[in-house]
Amino acid sequence: MVDDVREFQSNADWYLEKGVPYRRGYLLYGPPGTGKTSFIQAIAGELKLNICYLNIGNGRIDDDGLMRALNDAPPQSIILLEDVDGIFIQREAVNQDEEGHGGVSFSGLLNALDGVRS
């Protein structure tokens, strides 16, 4: 994975030329306590990158807030979204008020991660 991140870092011009958002995402999965966060910390340390922890499971951030947070992240940073699976029941956000507002929707998460609107 370190080699993949290094290659990504060295190809920023390609993304700019093609008009593709300059982002790279990795999905780590597994039971709690298996070292996913520690693995990211090791990668960040090796590549001298910052880590930005973003908690989207507390209901205090909505789709627009997530998009802003990702767009405002400092350069040379890894944005770590932990336990993303815990905020959804099927494709619906868990933390919504009675009118369906609040929380991050499944489509809002996917749109924020693909970076097309950035």
C-alpha atoms as a PDB file:
ATOM      1  CA  MET A   1       0.000   0.000   0.000  1.00  0.00           C
ATOM      2  CA  VAL A   2       2.905   2.382   0.698  1.00  0.00           C
ATOM      3  CA  ASP A   3       4.100   1.998  -2.896  1.00  0.00           C
ATOM      4  CA  ASP A   4       0.603   2.710  -4.188  1.00  0.00           C
ATOM      5  CA  VAL A   5       0.360   5.901  -2.116  1.00  0.00           C
ATOM      6  CA  ARG A   6       3.798   7.013  -3.293  1.00  0.00           C
ATOM      7  CA  GLU A   7       2.784   6.454  -6.915  1.00  0.00           C
ATOM      8  CA  PHE A   8      -0.436   8.406  -6.315  1.00  0.00           C
ATOM      9  CA  GLN A   9       1.528  11.284  -4.786  1.00  0.00           C
ATOM     10  CA  SER A  10       3.855  11.448  -7.779  1.00  0.00           C
ATOM     11  CA  ASN A  11       1.010  11.605 -10.339  1.00  0.00           C
ATOM     12  CA  ALA A  12      -0.882  14.753  -9.285  1.00  0.00           C
ATOM     13  CA  ASP A  13      -0.364  16.295 -12.729  1.00  0.00           C
ATOM     14  CA  TRP A  14      -2.147  13.393 -14.410  1.00  0.00           C
ATOM     15  CA  TYR A  15      -5.257  14.011 -12.282  1.00  0.00           C
ATOM     16  CA  LEU A  16      -5.151  17.739 -13.062  1.00  0.00           C
ATOM     17  CA  GLU A  17      -4.732  17.142 -16.806  1.00  0.00           C
ATOM     18  CA  LYS A  18      -7.653  14.699 -16.905  1.00  0.00           C
ATOM     19  CA  GLY A  19      -9.904  16.772 -14.652  1.00  0.00           C
ATOM     20  CA  VAL A  20     -10.182  13.917 -12.181  1.00  0.00           C
ATOM     21  CA  PRO A  21     -10.403  14.766  -8.464  1.00  0.00           C
ATOM     22  CA  TYR A  22      -7.003  14.171  -6.882  1.00  0.00           C
ATOM     23  CA  ARG A  23      -8.111  11.694  -4.248  1.00  0.00           C
ATOM     24  CA  ARG A  24      -7.362   8.130  -3.366  1.00  0.00           C
ATOM     25  CA  GLY A  25      -9.499   5.986  -1.098  1.00  0.00           C
ATOM     26  CA  TYR A  26      -8.881   2.719   0.686  1.00  0.00           C
ATOM     27  CA  LEU A  27     -11.454   0.610   2.466  1.00  0.00           C
ATOM     28  CA  LEU A  28     -10.095  -1.361   5.394  1.00  0.00           C
ATOM     29  CA  TYR A  29     -12.427  -3.836   6.980  1.00  0.00           C
ATOM     30  CA  GLY A  30     -12.329  -6.365   9.739  1.00  0.00           C
ATOM     31  CA  PRO A  31     -13.377  -6.906  13.337  1.00  0.00           C
ATOM     32  CA  PRO A  32     -12.506  -4.285  15.962  1.00  0.00           C
ATOM     33  CA  GLY A  33      -9.005  -4.594  17.343  1.00  0.00           C
ATOM     34  CA  THR A  34      -7.370  -6.091  14.264  1.00  0.00           C
ATOM     35  CA  GLY A  35      -5.069  -3.122  13.632  1.00  0.00           C
ATOM     36  CA  LYS A  36      -6.792  -1.098  10.910  1.00  0.00           C
ATOM     37  CA  THR A  37      -6.193   2.250  12.620  1.00  0.00           C
ATOM     38  CA  SER A  38      -2.671   1.261  13.643  1.00  0.00           C
ATOM     39  CA  PHE A  39      -1.958   0.320  10.038  1.00  0.00           C
ATOM     40  CA  ILE A  40      -3.048   3.775   8.846  1.00  0.00           C
ATOM     41  CA  GLN A  41      -0.924   5.412  11.548  1.00  0.00           C
ATOM     42  CA  ALA A  42       2.088   3.405  10.348  1.00  0.00           C
ATOM     43  CA  ILE A  43       1.456   4.401   6.717  1.00  0.00           C
ATOM     44  CA  ALA A  44       1.094   8.073   7.706  1.00  0.00           C
ATOM     45  CA  GLY A  45       4.308   7.921   9.732  1.00  0.00           C
ATOM     46  CA  GLU A  46       6.254   6.293   6.907  1.00  0.00           C
ATOM     47  CA  LEU A  47       5.037   8.869   4.368  1.00  0.00           C
ATOM     48  CA  LYS A  48       5.116  11.819   6.779  1.00  0.00           C
ATOM     49  CA  LEU A  49       1.421  12.564   6.312  1.00  0.00           C
ATOM     50  CA  ASN A  50      -1.025  14.073   8.788  1.00  0.00           C
ATOM     51  CA  ILE A  51      -4.079  12.131   9.907  1.00  0.00           C
ATOM     52  CA  CYS A  52      -7.436  13.899  10.165  1.00  0.00           C
ATOM     53  CA  TYR A  53      -9.989  11.922  12.146  1.00  0.00           C
ATOM     54  CA  LEU A  54     -13.556  12.626  11.062  1.00  0.00           C
ATOM     55  CA  ASN A  55     -16.428  11.243  13.109  1.00  0.00           C
ATOM     56  CA  ILE A  56     -19.492  11.059  10.908  1.00  0.00           C
ATOM     57  CA  GLY A  57     -21.422   8.729  13.171  1.00  0.00           C
ATOM     58  CA  ASN A  58     -22.471  11.209  15.840  1.00  0.00           C
ATOM     59  CA  GLY A  59     -25.278  12.854  13.818  1.00  0.00           C
ATOM     60  CA  ARG A  60     -23.697  16.309  14.103  1.00  0.00           C
ATOM     61  CA  ILE A  61     -22.550  16.345  10.491  1.00  0.00           C
ATOM     62  CA  ASP A  62     -24.753  16.091   7.419  1.00  0.00           C
ATOM     63  CA  ASP A  63     -23.960  15.513   3.750  1.00  0.00           C
ATOM     64  CA  ASP A  64     -22.930  19.124   3.105  1.00  0.00           C
ATOM     65  CA  GLY A  65     -20.826  19.232   6.269  1.00  0.00           C
ATOM     66  CA  LEU A  66     -19.021  16.071   5.221  1.00  0.00           C
ATOM     67  CA  MET A  67     -18.311  17.539   1.788  1.00  0.00           C
ATOM     68  CA  ARG A  68     -16.931  20.726   3.366  1.00  0.00           C
ATOM     69  CA  ALA A  69     -14.796  18.790   5.844  1.00  0.00           C
ATOM     70  CA  LEU A  70     -13.228  16.680   3.107  1.00  0.00           C
ATOM     71  CA  ASN A  71     -12.619  19.702   0.881  1.00  0.00           C
ATOM     72  CA  ASP A  72     -11.111  21.702   3.763  1.00  0.00           C
ATOM     73  CA  ALA A  73      -8.707  18.982   4.885  1.00  0.00           C
ATOM     74  CA  PRO A  74      -5.078  20.082   4.882  1.00  0.00           C
ATOM     75  CA  PRO A  75      -2.883  18.960   1.999  1.00  0.00           C
ATOM     76  CA  GLN A  76      -0.721  15.908   2.579  1.00  0.00           C
ATOM     77  CA  SER A  77      -3.290  14.374   4.906  1.00  0.00           C
ATOM     78  CA  ILE A  78      -5.007  11.068   5.360  1.00  0.00           C
ATOM     79  CA  ILE A  79      -8.652  11.508   6.297  1.00  0.00           C
ATOM     80  CA  LEU A  80      -9.705   8.638   8.502  1.00  0.00           C
ATOM     81  CA  LEU A  81     -13.403   7.791   8.669  1.00  0.00           C
ATOM     82  CA  GLU A  82     -13.787   5.069  11.260  1.00  0.00           C
ATOM     83  CA  ASP A  83     -16.747   2.720  11.685  1.00  0.00           C
ATOM     84  CA  VAL A  84     -18.599   4.062   8.645  1.00  0.00           C
ATOM     85  CA  ASP A  85     -20.752   0.943   8.556  1.00  0.00           C
ATOM     86  CA  GLY A  86     -22.251   1.851  11.936  1.00  0.00           C
ATOM     87  CA  ILE A  87     -24.054   4.956  10.674  1.00  0.00           C
ATOM     88  CA  PHE A  88     -26.361   3.193   8.244  1.00  0.00           C
ATOM     89  CA  ILE A  89     -29.242   0.779   8.391  1.00  0.00           C
ATOM     90  CA  GLN A  90     -29.404  -0.552   4.849  1.00  0.00           C
ATOM     91  CA  ARG A  91     -29.123   2.698   2.804  1.00  0.00           C
ATOM     92  CA  GLU A  92     -30.706   5.061   5.335  1.00  0.00           C
ATOM     93  CA  ALA A  93     -28.833   7.258   7.786  1.00  0.00           C
ATOM     94  CA  VAL A  94     -29.306   6.248  11.423  1.00  0.00           C
ATOM     95  CA  ASN A  95     -29.093   9.758  12.951  1.00  0.00           C
ATOM     96  CA  GLN A  96     -32.016  11.648  11.422  1.00  0.00           C
ATOM     97  CA  ASP A  97     -34.696  13.778  12.998  1.00  0.00           C
ATOM     98  CA  GLU A  98     -38.393  13.096  12.418  1.00  0.00           C
ATOM     99  CA  GLU A  99     -38.294  15.002   9.102  1.00  0.00           C
ATOM    100  CA  GLY A 100     -35.356  12.969   7.789  1.00  0.00           C
ATOM    101  CA  HIS A 101     -32.728  15.695   8.253  1.00  0.00           C
ATOM    102  CA  GLY A 102     -29.336  15.292   9.854  1.00  0.00           C
ATOM    103  CA  GLY A 103     -26.747  12.615   9.619  1.00  0.00           C
ATOM    104  CA  VAL A 104     -24.884  11.485   6.558  1.00  0.00           C
ATOM    105  CA  SER A 105     -26.783   9.647   3.852  1.00  0.00           C
ATOM    106  CA  PHE A 106     -25.323   6.776   1.881  1.00  0.00           C
ATOM    107  CA  SER A 107     -25.387   8.772  -1.349  1.00  0.00           C
ATOM    108  CA  GLY A 108     -23.903  11.789   0.460  1.00  0.00           C
ATOM    109  CA  LEU A 109     -21.007   9.656   1.675  1.00  0.00           C
ATOM    110  CA  LEU A 110     -20.339   8.234  -1.791  1.00  0.00           C
ATOM    111  CA  ASN A 111     -20.535  11.675  -3.421  1.00  0.00           C
ATOM    112  CA  ALA A 112     -18.148  13.151  -0.866  1.00  0.00           C
ATOM    113  CA  LEU A 113     -15.656  10.324  -1.302  1.00  0.00           C
ATOM    114  CA  ASP A 114     -15.597  10.413  -5.098  1.00  0.00           C
ATOM    115  CA  GLY A 115     -14.823  14.138  -5.035  1.00  0.00           C
ATOM    116  CA  VAL A 116     -16.678  15.032  -8.207  1.00  0.00           C
ATOM    117  CA  ARG A 117     -18.250  18.135  -6.623  1.00  0.00           C
ATOM    118  CA  SER A 118     -14.931  19.357  -5.219  1.00  0.00           C
END
